[in-house]
Amino acid sequence: MRIIGGEFRSRLIEMPKGVDMRPTQDKVRQAIFNVLGNVAGANVLELFAGSGAFGIEALSRGAKYVTFVDNNSICIKTIRKNLESLNVPESSYELVWANALSVFARMERDEGKFDLVFLDPPYYKNIARKCLSNIDAYDILSQNSLVVVEHFKKDSLEFDLKTLVFEKEKQYGDTVISIFRKKRDEVQDSGLSRDI
């Protein structure tokens, strides 16, 4: 898989071997980052990280720190290898070997606030909905944070959320990218006026 933009543009990263994965197409990642715009200085959380492609893309584009979460040890080892091959300093990331649905209480206790959250869970198991519900329930988001969810077109994310509001979505074949933002006291331009 190739990094699309930023410091590591055109560099290749490895995919975890022997792991059933569904890599996000380059054009979809490019479209997402086009919408997100400047991520410089952001504190990023990548859930179901796999190869770490989203988080590494964010670091390439100037993100300050990325927390990678995956429950597969092969994925965690691959992410570490990818980061080391790019000479990313250890002070810029954390690798968490854990179930993405069970890490939120710990993150809330750590009092870290994320500006950007990516999640690309397995399809067909309603995990995207469960994970989004957990993100909504725990105090882990900064004031102007965005949550990007990659999910199957038949996996509905339409339900009541307390702290998140749906912003927009775009479909690519069977895949849908949905973006949510944290509710703010005053309505401001979210910067997401463009189509994904």
N, C-alpha and C. Protein backbone atom coordinates (compact mmCIF):
# COMPACT_ATOMS: atom_id res chain seq x y z
N MET A 1 0.85 -1.19 0.00
CA MET A 1 0.00 0.00 0.00
C MET A 1 0.88 1.24 0.00
N ARG A 2 0.46 2.26 -0.72
CA ARG A 2 1.26 3.46 -0.90
C ARG A 2 0.70 4.63 -0.09
N ILE A 3 1.60 5.40 0.54
CA ILE A 3 1.21 6.64 1.21
C ILE A 3 0.96 7.69 0.14
N ILE A 4 -0.14 8.44 0.27
CA ILE A 4 -0.60 9.30 -0.81
C ILE A 4 0.00 10.71 -0.75
N GLY A 5 0.11 11.26 0.45
CA GLY A 5 0.55 12.65 0.52
C GLY A 5 1.45 12.92 1.71
N GLY A 6 2.03 14.10 1.74
CA GLY A 6 2.84 14.53 2.86
C GLY A 6 4.28 14.07 2.81
N GLU A 7 4.90 14.02 3.97
CA GLU A 7 6.33 13.71 4.09
C GLU A 7 6.69 12.35 3.50
N PHE A 8 5.81 11.38 3.66
CA PHE A 8 6.11 10.01 3.21
C PHE A 8 5.44 9.67 1.88
N ARG A 9 5.04 10.67 1.16
CA ARG A 9 4.34 10.46 -0.11
C ARG A 9 5.10 9.49 -1.02
N SER A 10 4.35 8.54 -1.59
CA SER A 10 4.85 7.52 -2.52
C SER A 10 5.62 6.39 -1.84
N ARG A 11 5.84 6.49 -0.51
CA ARG A 11 6.50 5.40 0.19
C ARG A 11 5.50 4.25 0.35
N LEU A 12 6.03 3.02 0.32
CA LEU A 12 5.19 1.84 0.45
C LEU A 12 5.21 1.32 1.87
N ILE A 13 4.06 0.82 2.34
CA ILE A 13 3.99 0.16 3.64
C ILE A 13 3.47 -1.26 3.43
N GLU A 14 3.84 -2.14 4.34
CA GLU A 14 3.45 -3.54 4.24
C GLU A 14 2.04 -3.77 4.76
N MET A 15 1.40 -4.80 4.24
CA MET A 15 0.13 -5.28 4.75
C MET A 15 0.41 -6.48 5.66
N PRO A 16 -0.38 -6.68 6.71
CA PRO A 16 -0.17 -7.84 7.58
C PRO A 16 -0.36 -9.14 6.80
N LYS A 17 0.58 -10.03 6.91
CA LYS A 17 0.52 -11.30 6.18
C LYS A 17 -0.34 -12.31 6.92
N GLY A 18 -1.20 -13.02 6.17
CA GLY A 18 -2.03 -14.05 6.76
C GLY A 18 -3.22 -13.52 7.52
N VAL A 19 -3.53 -12.24 7.35
CA VAL A 19 -4.67 -11.63 8.04
C VAL A 19 -5.73 -11.27 7.01
N ASP A 20 -6.97 -11.66 7.27
CA ASP A 20 -8.07 -11.34 6.36
C ASP A 20 -8.41 -9.86 6.51
N MET A 21 -8.02 -9.07 5.51
CA MET A 21 -8.22 -7.62 5.58
C MET A 21 -8.89 -7.11 4.32
N ARG A 22 -9.39 -5.90 4.42
CA ARG A 22 -10.04 -5.23 3.30
C ARG A 22 -9.41 -3.83 3.18
N PRO A 23 -8.28 -3.74 2.50
CA PRO A 23 -7.58 -2.45 2.43
C PRO A 23 -8.44 -1.37 1.77
N THR A 24 -8.37 -0.18 2.32
CA THR A 24 -9.08 0.95 1.72
C THR A 24 -8.38 1.38 0.45
N GLN A 25 -9.13 1.56 -0.61
CA GLN A 25 -8.55 1.97 -1.88
C GLN A 25 -7.87 3.35 -1.74
N ASP A 26 -6.79 3.52 -2.52
CA ASP A 26 -6.06 4.79 -2.48
C ASP A 26 -6.97 5.97 -2.75
N LYS A 27 -7.87 5.83 -3.74
CA LYS A 27 -8.72 6.97 -4.11
C LYS A 27 -9.67 7.35 -2.99
N VAL A 28 -10.06 6.35 -2.18
CA VAL A 28 -10.96 6.64 -1.06
C VAL A 28 -10.19 7.36 0.05
N ARG A 29 -8.99 6.87 0.36
CA ARG A 29 -8.17 7.56 1.37
C ARG A 29 -7.86 8.99 0.93
N GLN A 30 -7.53 9.16 -0.35
CA GLN A 30 -7.24 10.49 -0.87
C GLN A 30 -8.45 11.41 -0.71
N ALA A 31 -9.62 10.88 -1.04
CA ALA A 31 -10.84 11.67 -0.94
C ALA A 31 -11.11 12.08 0.51
N ILE A 32 -10.90 11.16 1.44
CA ILE A 32 -11.12 11.48 2.85
C ILE A 32 -10.19 12.58 3.32
N PHE A 33 -8.91 12.48 2.99
CA PHE A 33 -7.96 13.50 3.43
C PHE A 33 -8.17 14.83 2.70
N ASN A 34 -8.69 14.78 1.49
CA ASN A 34 -9.06 16.03 0.82
C ASN A 34 -10.13 16.77 1.59
N VAL A 35 -11.09 16.01 2.12
CA VAL A 35 -12.17 16.62 2.90
C VAL A 35 -11.66 17.11 4.26
N LEU A 36 -10.83 16.29 4.90
CA LEU A 36 -10.33 16.66 6.23
C LEU A 36 -9.44 17.89 6.17
N GLY A 37 -8.73 18.05 5.07
CA GLY A 37 -7.86 19.22 4.94
C GLY A 37 -6.63 19.10 5.83
N ASN A 38 -6.28 20.17 6.50
CA ASN A 38 -5.06 20.24 7.30
C ASN A 38 -5.22 19.44 8.59
N VAL A 39 -4.41 18.40 8.77
CA VAL A 39 -4.43 17.61 10.00
C VAL A 39 -3.18 17.86 10.84
N ALA A 40 -2.40 18.87 10.48
CA ALA A 40 -1.16 19.18 11.20
C ALA A 40 -1.47 19.44 12.67
N GLY A 41 -0.70 18.80 13.54
CA GLY A 41 -0.84 19.00 14.97
C GLY A 41 -1.95 18.19 15.62
N ALA A 42 -2.66 17.38 14.84
CA ALA A 42 -3.80 16.63 15.37
C ALA A 42 -3.38 15.43 16.20
N ASN A 43 -4.19 15.13 17.19
CA ASN A 43 -4.06 13.90 17.98
C ASN A 43 -5.05 12.91 17.39
N VAL A 44 -4.56 11.80 16.83
CA VAL A 44 -5.37 10.91 16.02
C VAL A 44 -5.50 9.53 16.67
N LEU A 45 -6.68 8.95 16.53
CA LEU A 45 -6.94 7.59 16.99
C LEU A 45 -7.37 6.76 15.78
N GLU A 46 -6.64 5.65 15.52
CA GLU A 46 -7.04 4.73 14.47
C GLU A 46 -7.44 3.40 15.11
N LEU A 47 -8.72 3.06 15.01
CA LEU A 47 -9.25 1.80 15.53
C LEU A 47 -9.32 0.77 14.41
N PHE A 48 -9.18 -0.52 14.75
CA PHE A 48 -9.11 -1.58 13.74
C PHE A 48 -8.01 -1.22 12.74
N ALA A 49 -6.83 -0.93 13.25
CA ALA A 49 -5.80 -0.24 12.47
C ALA A 49 -5.23 -1.06 11.33
N GLY A 50 -5.19 -2.39 11.44
CA GLY A 50 -4.68 -3.21 10.33
C GLY A 50 -3.23 -2.93 10.02
N SER A 51 -2.96 -2.31 8.88
CA SER A 51 -1.59 -1.94 8.48
C SER A 51 -1.18 -0.59 9.05
N GLY A 52 -2.14 0.15 9.60
CA GLY A 52 -1.86 1.50 10.11
C GLY A 52 -1.89 2.56 9.04
N ALA A 53 -2.48 2.25 7.88
CA ALA A 53 -2.42 3.15 6.73
C ALA A 53 -3.01 4.53 7.01
N PHE A 54 -4.16 4.60 7.68
CA PHE A 54 -4.78 5.90 7.94
C PHE A 54 -3.92 6.72 8.90
N GLY A 55 -3.50 6.09 9.98
CA GLY A 55 -2.69 6.81 10.95
C GLY A 55 -1.37 7.25 10.39
N ILE A 56 -0.72 6.40 9.60
CA ILE A 56 0.56 6.77 8.98
C ILE A 56 0.35 7.90 7.97
N GLU A 57 -0.75 7.83 7.24
CA GLU A 57 -1.08 8.92 6.31
C GLU A 57 -1.23 10.23 7.06
N ALA A 58 -1.88 10.17 8.23
CA ALA A 58 -2.07 11.37 9.05
C ALA A 58 -0.71 11.89 9.55
N LEU A 59 0.16 10.98 10.01
CA LEU A 59 1.50 11.41 10.45
C LEU A 59 2.27 12.03 9.30
N SER A 60 2.14 11.45 8.11
CA SER A 60 2.82 11.98 6.93
C SER A 60 2.38 13.41 6.64
N ARG A 61 1.13 13.70 6.98
CA ARG A 61 0.57 15.03 6.71
C ARG A 61 0.65 15.96 7.90
N GLY A 62 1.42 15.58 8.91
CA GLY A 62 1.72 16.51 10.01
C GLY A 62 0.99 16.27 11.31
N ALA A 63 0.24 15.18 11.44
CA ALA A 63 -0.41 14.89 12.71
C ALA A 63 0.65 14.80 13.81
N LYS A 64 0.29 15.25 15.00
CA LYS A 64 1.25 15.28 16.11
C LYS A 64 1.45 13.91 16.73
N TYR A 65 0.37 13.14 16.86
CA TYR A 65 0.44 11.86 17.58
C TYR A 65 -0.68 10.96 17.09
N VAL A 66 -0.38 9.66 16.95
CA VAL A 66 -1.39 8.69 16.53
C VAL A 66 -1.38 7.50 17.49
N THR A 67 -2.56 7.11 17.93
CA THR A 67 -2.74 5.90 18.72
C THR A 67 -3.37 4.85 17.81
N PHE A 68 -2.63 3.76 17.58
CA PHE A 68 -3.10 2.67 16.72
C PHE A 68 -3.65 1.55 17.61
N VAL A 69 -4.87 1.10 17.33
CA VAL A 69 -5.49 0.03 18.12
C VAL A 69 -5.88 -1.11 17.20
N ASP A 70 -5.43 -2.32 17.54
CA ASP A 70 -5.85 -3.51 16.81
C ASP A 70 -5.75 -4.70 17.75
N ASN A 71 -6.63 -5.69 17.55
CA ASN A 71 -6.63 -6.86 18.43
C ASN A 71 -5.82 -8.02 17.88
N ASN A 72 -5.15 -7.80 16.75
CA ASN A 72 -4.36 -8.86 16.12
C ASN A 72 -2.87 -8.53 16.28
N SER A 73 -2.13 -9.44 16.90
CA SER A 73 -0.71 -9.18 17.17
C SER A 73 0.09 -9.03 15.87
N ILE A 74 -0.33 -9.73 14.81
CA ILE A 74 0.37 -9.60 13.52
C ILE A 74 0.21 -8.18 12.99
N CYS A 75 -0.97 -7.63 13.14
CA CYS A 75 -1.21 -6.24 12.70
C CYS A 75 -0.35 -5.27 13.51
N ILE A 76 -0.30 -5.45 14.81
CA ILE A 76 0.50 -4.56 15.65
C ILE A 76 1.96 -4.62 15.25
N LYS A 77 2.48 -5.81 15.01
CA LYS A 77 3.88 -5.97 14.58
C LYS A 77 4.11 -5.31 13.23
N THR A 78 3.13 -5.45 12.32
CA THR A 78 3.27 -4.85 10.99
C THR A 78 3.26 -3.33 11.07
N ILE A 79 2.39 -2.78 11.90
CA ILE A 79 2.34 -1.32 12.06
C ILE A 79 3.68 -0.82 12.59
N ARG A 80 4.20 -1.51 13.61
CA ARG A 80 5.50 -1.11 14.17
C ARG A 80 6.59 -1.14 13.10
N LYS A 81 6.58 -2.19 12.30
CA LYS A 81 7.58 -2.33 11.23
C LYS A 81 7.43 -1.20 10.22
N ASN A 82 6.19 -0.87 9.86
CA ASN A 82 5.95 0.22 8.91
C ASN A 82 6.44 1.55 9.46
N LEU A 83 6.15 1.82 10.72
CA LEU A 83 6.58 3.07 11.34
C LEU A 83 8.10 3.14 11.42
N GLU A 84 8.73 2.03 11.78
CA GLU A 84 10.19 2.01 11.88
C GLU A 84 10.84 2.19 10.51
N SER A 85 10.22 1.61 9.47
CA SER A 85 10.79 1.75 8.13
C SER A 85 10.74 3.19 7.63
N LEU A 86 9.80 3.96 8.17
CA LEU A 86 9.67 5.37 7.81
C LEU A 86 10.41 6.29 8.79
N ASN A 87 11.07 5.68 9.78
CA ASN A 87 11.81 6.43 10.80
C ASN A 87 10.92 7.40 11.59
N VAL A 88 9.68 6.96 11.85
CA VAL A 88 8.78 7.77 12.68
C VAL A 88 9.24 7.65 14.13
N PRO A 89 9.49 8.74 14.81
CA PRO A 89 9.95 8.66 16.21
C PRO A 89 8.90 8.04 17.12
N GLU A 90 9.34 7.25 18.09
CA GLU A 90 8.42 6.58 19.00
C GLU A 90 7.59 7.57 19.81
N SER A 91 8.07 8.79 19.93
CA SER A 91 7.33 9.81 20.67
C SER A 91 6.09 10.29 19.92
N SER A 92 5.92 9.82 18.66
CA SER A 92 4.80 10.28 17.84
C SER A 92 3.65 9.29 17.76
N TYR A 93 3.77 8.15 18.43
CA TYR A 93 2.72 7.14 18.32
C TYR A 93 2.68 6.20 19.51
N GLU A 94 1.55 5.51 19.63
CA GLU A 94 1.37 4.45 20.60
C GLU A 94 0.68 3.28 19.90
N LEU A 95 1.13 2.07 20.19
CA LEU A 95 0.50 0.86 19.66
C LEU A 95 -0.24 0.17 20.79
N VAL A 96 -1.54 -0.06 20.57
CA VAL A 96 -2.37 -0.69 21.60
C VAL A 96 -2.92 -2.00 21.05
N TRP A 97 -2.49 -3.10 21.65
CA TRP A 97 -2.97 -4.42 21.25
C TRP A 97 -4.19 -4.73 22.11
N ALA A 98 -5.37 -4.48 21.56
CA ALA A 98 -6.60 -4.63 22.33
C ALA A 98 -7.80 -4.63 21.40
N ASN A 99 -8.91 -5.10 21.92
CA ASN A 99 -10.19 -5.03 21.21
C ASN A 99 -10.63 -3.57 21.17
N ALA A 100 -10.93 -3.09 19.98
CA ALA A 100 -11.29 -1.67 19.82
C ALA A 100 -12.54 -1.29 20.60
N LEU A 101 -13.40 -2.24 20.91
CA LEU A 101 -14.62 -1.93 21.65
C LEU A 101 -14.38 -1.81 23.15
N SER A 102 -13.17 -2.16 23.60
CA SER A 102 -12.93 -2.20 25.05
C SER A 102 -11.90 -1.18 25.53
N VAL A 103 -11.44 -0.30 24.67
CA VAL A 103 -10.35 0.60 25.05
C VAL A 103 -10.81 1.97 25.54
N PHE A 104 -12.08 2.27 25.42
CA PHE A 104 -12.53 3.65 25.64
C PHE A 104 -12.47 4.09 27.10
N ALA A 105 -12.78 3.19 28.02
CA ALA A 105 -12.71 3.55 29.44
C ALA A 105 -11.29 3.92 29.82
N ARG A 106 -10.32 3.15 29.34
CA ARG A 106 -8.92 3.44 29.63
C ARG A 106 -8.51 4.78 29.04
N MET A 107 -8.95 5.04 27.81
CA MET A 107 -8.59 6.30 27.16
C MET A 107 -9.22 7.49 27.87
N GLU A 108 -10.43 7.30 28.36
CA GLU A 108 -11.08 8.38 29.12
C GLU A 108 -10.31 8.64 30.41
N ARG A 109 -9.85 7.58 31.08
CA ARG A 109 -9.06 7.74 32.31
C ARG A 109 -7.75 8.45 32.04
N ASP A 110 -7.17 8.17 30.88
CA ASP A 110 -5.90 8.82 30.51
C ASP A 110 -6.08 10.30 30.19
N GLU A 111 -7.33 10.71 30.02
CA GLU A 111 -7.69 12.11 29.77
C GLU A 111 -7.10 12.65 28.47
N GLY A 112 -6.81 11.74 27.53
CA GLY A 112 -6.36 12.19 26.22
C GLY A 112 -7.55 12.54 25.35
N LYS A 113 -7.46 13.60 24.60
CA LYS A 113 -8.54 14.02 23.72
C LYS A 113 -8.09 13.90 22.27
N PHE A 114 -8.92 13.25 21.47
CA PHE A 114 -8.57 13.03 20.07
C PHE A 114 -9.27 14.05 19.18
N ASP A 115 -8.51 14.57 18.22
CA ASP A 115 -9.06 15.51 17.25
C ASP A 115 -9.66 14.80 16.05
N LEU A 116 -9.19 13.58 15.80
CA LEU A 116 -9.60 12.83 14.62
C LEU A 116 -9.59 11.35 14.95
N VAL A 117 -10.70 10.67 14.62
CA VAL A 117 -10.81 9.23 14.86
C VAL A 117 -11.17 8.54 13.55
N PHE A 118 -10.40 7.49 13.21
CA PHE A 118 -10.71 6.65 12.05
C PHE A 118 -11.14 5.29 12.57
N LEU A 119 -12.18 4.73 11.98
CA LEU A 119 -12.48 3.33 12.26
C LEU A 119 -12.99 2.63 11.01
N ASP A 120 -12.42 1.45 10.78
CA ASP A 120 -12.75 0.63 9.62
C ASP A 120 -12.94 -0.81 10.12
N PRO A 121 -14.04 -1.07 10.82
CA PRO A 121 -14.26 -2.39 11.43
C PRO A 121 -14.69 -3.43 10.40
N PRO A 122 -14.69 -4.70 10.80
CA PRO A 122 -15.19 -5.74 9.90
C PRO A 122 -16.65 -5.47 9.51
N TYR A 123 -16.97 -5.83 8.29
CA TYR A 123 -18.34 -5.64 7.80
C TYR A 123 -19.29 -6.71 8.38
N TYR A 124 -20.56 -6.45 8.24
CA TYR A 124 -21.64 -7.40 8.51
C TYR A 124 -21.90 -7.71 9.99
N LYS A 125 -21.13 -7.18 10.90
CA LYS A 125 -21.28 -7.58 12.30
C LYS A 125 -21.82 -6.47 13.19
N ASN A 126 -22.24 -5.37 12.60
CA ASN A 126 -22.79 -4.23 13.34
C ASN A 126 -21.76 -3.60 14.29
N ILE A 127 -20.47 -3.89 14.02
CA ILE A 127 -19.43 -3.37 14.91
C ILE A 127 -19.25 -1.87 14.75
N ALA A 128 -19.42 -1.36 13.54
CA ALA A 128 -19.28 0.09 13.33
C ALA A 128 -20.26 0.85 14.22
N ARG A 129 -21.47 0.38 14.29
CA ARG A 129 -22.50 1.03 15.11
C ARG A 129 -22.14 0.96 16.59
N LYS A 130 -21.70 -0.21 17.04
CA LYS A 130 -21.33 -0.37 18.45
C LYS A 130 -20.15 0.53 18.82
N CYS A 131 -19.17 0.58 17.93
CA CYS A 131 -17.98 1.39 18.19
C CYS A 131 -18.32 2.88 18.21
N LEU A 132 -19.14 3.31 17.28
CA LEU A 132 -19.56 4.71 17.24
C LEU A 132 -20.34 5.07 18.50
N SER A 133 -21.16 4.15 18.97
CA SER A 133 -21.91 4.37 20.20
C SER A 133 -20.97 4.54 21.39
N ASN A 134 -19.89 3.74 21.43
CA ASN A 134 -18.91 3.87 22.51
C ASN A 134 -18.16 5.19 22.44
N ILE A 135 -17.77 5.58 21.23
CA ILE A 135 -17.09 6.87 21.07
C ILE A 135 -17.99 8.00 21.56
N ASP A 136 -19.27 7.88 21.27
CA ASP A 136 -20.25 8.88 21.68
C ASP A 136 -20.40 8.93 23.20
N ALA A 137 -20.23 7.77 23.85
CA ALA A 137 -20.51 7.67 25.28
C ALA A 137 -19.35 8.11 26.16
N TYR A 138 -18.12 7.98 25.67
CA TYR A 138 -16.95 8.30 26.49
C TYR A 138 -16.37 9.66 26.11
N ASP A 139 -15.80 10.33 27.10
CA ASP A 139 -15.27 11.68 26.92
C ASP A 139 -13.83 11.60 26.42
N ILE A 140 -13.67 11.30 25.11
CA ILE A 140 -12.32 11.16 24.55
C ILE A 140 -12.09 12.10 23.37
N LEU A 141 -13.06 12.94 23.04
CA LEU A 141 -12.97 13.79 21.86
C LEU A 141 -12.70 15.24 22.23
N SER A 142 -11.88 15.90 21.43
CA SER A 142 -11.64 17.32 21.62
C SER A 142 -12.85 18.11 21.10
N GLN A 143 -12.83 19.41 21.30
CA GLN A 143 -13.99 20.23 20.99
C GLN A 143 -14.40 20.19 19.52
N ASN A 144 -13.44 20.16 18.63
CA ASN A 144 -13.75 20.23 17.20
C ASN A 144 -13.43 18.93 16.47
N SER A 145 -13.56 17.82 17.15
CA SER A 145 -13.13 16.54 16.60
C SER A 145 -14.05 16.02 15.51
N LEU A 146 -13.48 15.14 14.67
CA LEU A 146 -14.21 14.47 13.61
C LEU A 146 -14.01 12.97 13.75
N VAL A 147 -15.05 12.20 13.43
CA VAL A 147 -14.98 10.74 13.44
C VAL A 147 -15.31 10.26 12.03
N VAL A 148 -14.38 9.51 11.43
CA VAL A 148 -14.55 8.98 10.08
C VAL A 148 -14.77 7.48 10.18
N VAL A 149 -15.91 7.01 9.65
CA VAL A 149 -16.27 5.60 9.73
C VAL A 149 -16.37 5.01 8.33
N GLU A 150 -15.61 3.95 8.09
CA GLU A 150 -15.74 3.20 6.85
C GLU A 150 -16.58 1.97 7.15
N HIS A 151 -17.70 1.80 6.43
CA HIS A 151 -18.60 0.70 6.77
C HIS A 151 -19.32 0.18 5.53
N PHE A 152 -19.92 -0.99 5.66
CA PHE A 152 -20.67 -1.61 4.58
C PHE A 152 -21.94 -0.81 4.33
N LYS A 153 -22.36 -0.73 3.08
CA LYS A 153 -23.50 0.11 2.71
C LYS A 153 -24.80 -0.28 3.42
N LYS A 154 -24.91 -1.55 3.84
CA LYS A 154 -26.13 -2.00 4.53
C LYS A 154 -26.03 -1.90 6.05
N ASP A 155 -24.86 -1.48 6.54
CA ASP A 155 -24.69 -1.28 7.98
C ASP A 155 -25.15 0.13 8.35
N SER A 156 -26.36 0.23 8.85
CA SER A 156 -26.94 1.54 9.17
C SER A 156 -26.29 2.14 10.41
N LEU A 157 -25.95 3.42 10.31
CA LEU A 157 -25.43 4.16 11.46
C LEU A 157 -26.43 5.21 11.93
N GLU A 158 -27.67 5.04 11.53
CA GLU A 158 -28.72 5.98 11.91
C GLU A 158 -29.30 5.61 13.27
N PHE A 159 -28.85 6.33 14.29
CA PHE A 159 -29.40 6.16 15.64
C PHE A 159 -29.05 7.41 16.44
N ASP A 160 -29.69 7.56 17.59
CA ASP A 160 -29.52 8.76 18.39
C ASP A 160 -28.14 8.80 19.04
N LEU A 161 -27.45 9.90 18.86
CA LEU A 161 -26.15 10.12 19.46
C LEU A 161 -26.22 11.36 20.34
N LYS A 162 -25.50 11.33 21.46
CA LYS A 162 -25.56 12.43 22.40
C LYS A 162 -24.55 13.53 22.08
N THR A 163 -23.33 13.14 21.73
CA THR A 163 -22.27 14.13 21.54
C THR A 163 -21.82 14.27 20.10
N LEU A 164 -22.26 13.37 19.23
CA LEU A 164 -21.86 13.40 17.83
C LEU A 164 -23.04 13.73 16.93
N VAL A 165 -22.75 14.42 15.84
CA VAL A 165 -23.78 14.73 14.87
C VAL A 165 -23.29 14.29 13.49
N PHE A 166 -24.18 13.68 12.73
CA PHE A 166 -23.83 13.23 11.38
C PHE A 166 -23.55 14.43 10.50
N GLU A 167 -22.46 14.34 9.73
CA GLU A 167 -22.07 15.43 8.85
C GLU A 167 -22.38 15.11 7.39
N LYS A 168 -21.86 13.99 6.89
CA LYS A 168 -22.10 13.61 5.50
C LYS A 168 -21.58 12.22 5.25
N GLU A 169 -21.94 11.68 4.09
CA GLU A 169 -21.42 10.38 3.69
C GLU A 169 -21.29 10.31 2.18
N LYS A 170 -20.49 9.36 1.74
CA LYS A 170 -20.29 9.12 0.32
C LYS A 170 -20.08 7.62 0.12
N GLN A 171 -20.70 7.08 -0.94
CA GLN A 171 -20.61 5.66 -1.20
C GLN A 171 -19.63 5.37 -2.32
N TYR A 172 -18.83 4.31 -2.13
CA TYR A 172 -17.90 3.81 -3.12
C TYR A 172 -18.15 2.31 -3.26
N GLY A 173 -18.96 1.91 -4.23
CA GLY A 173 -19.31 0.50 -4.36
C GLY A 173 -20.10 0.05 -3.14
N ASP A 174 -19.61 -1.00 -2.47
CA ASP A 174 -20.27 -1.50 -1.27
C ASP A 174 -19.83 -0.77 0.00
N THR A 175 -18.86 0.13 -0.15
CA THR A 175 -18.30 0.84 1.00
C THR A 175 -18.89 2.24 1.12
N VAL A 176 -19.19 2.63 2.37
CA VAL A 176 -19.67 3.98 2.65
C VAL A 176 -18.72 4.64 3.64
N ILE A 177 -18.36 5.87 3.38
CA ILE A 177 -17.59 6.68 4.32
C ILE A 177 -18.54 7.67 4.95
N SER A 178 -18.71 7.56 6.27
CA SER A 178 -19.58 8.49 7.01
C SER A 178 -18.72 9.33 7.94
N ILE A 179 -19.02 10.61 7.98
CA ILE A 179 -18.27 11.53 8.85
C ILE A 179 -19.21 12.15 9.87
N PHE A 180 -18.77 12.11 11.12
CA PHE A 180 -19.49 12.72 12.23
C PHE A 180 -18.60 13.76 12.87
N ARG A 181 -19.19 14.74 13.48
CA ARG A 181 -18.42 15.72 14.24
C ARG A 181 -19.00 15.87 15.62
N LYS A 182 -18.16 16.30 16.54
CA LYS A 182 -18.63 16.53 17.89
C LYS A 182 -19.49 17.79 17.91
N LYS A 183 -20.61 17.70 18.63
CA LYS A 183 -21.50 18.86 18.73
C LYS A 183 -20.78 19.99 19.45
N ARG A 184 -21.05 21.19 18.98
CA ARG A 184 -20.47 22.37 19.59
C ARG A 184 -21.55 23.29 20.10
N ASP A 185 -21.17 24.14 21.06
CA ASP A 185 -22.15 25.06 21.64
C ASP A 185 -22.65 26.06 20.62
N GLU A 186 -21.73 26.50 19.77
CA GLU A 186 -22.11 27.45 18.73
C GLU A 186 -21.88 26.80 17.38
N VAL A 187 -22.82 26.99 16.46
CA VAL A 187 -22.69 26.41 15.13
C VAL A 187 -21.58 27.13 14.38
N GLN A 188 -20.61 26.35 13.92
CA GLN A 188 -19.50 26.91 13.15
C GLN A 188 -19.37 26.14 11.87
N ASP A 189 -18.67 26.71 10.92
CA ASP A 189 -18.39 26.01 9.67
C ASP A 189 -17.46 24.85 9.97
N SER A 190 -17.88 23.65 9.65
CA SER A 190 -17.08 22.46 9.96
C SER A 190 -15.97 22.24 8.94
N GLY A 191 -15.99 22.96 7.83
CA GLY A 191 -14.97 22.77 6.81
C GLY A 191 -15.20 21.54 5.95
N LEU A 192 -16.39 20.93 6.07
CA LEU A 192 -16.68 19.71 5.32
C LEU A 192 -17.73 19.99 4.26
N SER A 193 -17.58 21.05 3.56
CA SER A 193 -18.59 21.44 2.57
C SER A 193 -18.42 20.70 1.25
N ARG A 194 -17.25 20.09 1.05
CA ARG A 194 -16.99 19.39 -0.20
C ARG A 194 -17.46 17.94 -0.12
N ASP A 195 -17.78 17.39 -1.27
CA ASP A 195 -18.11 15.96 -1.31
C ASP A 195 -16.86 15.15 -1.09
N ILE A 196 -17.04 14.00 -0.48
CA ILE A 196 -15.92 13.09 -0.28
C ILE A 196 -15.54 12.49 -1.63
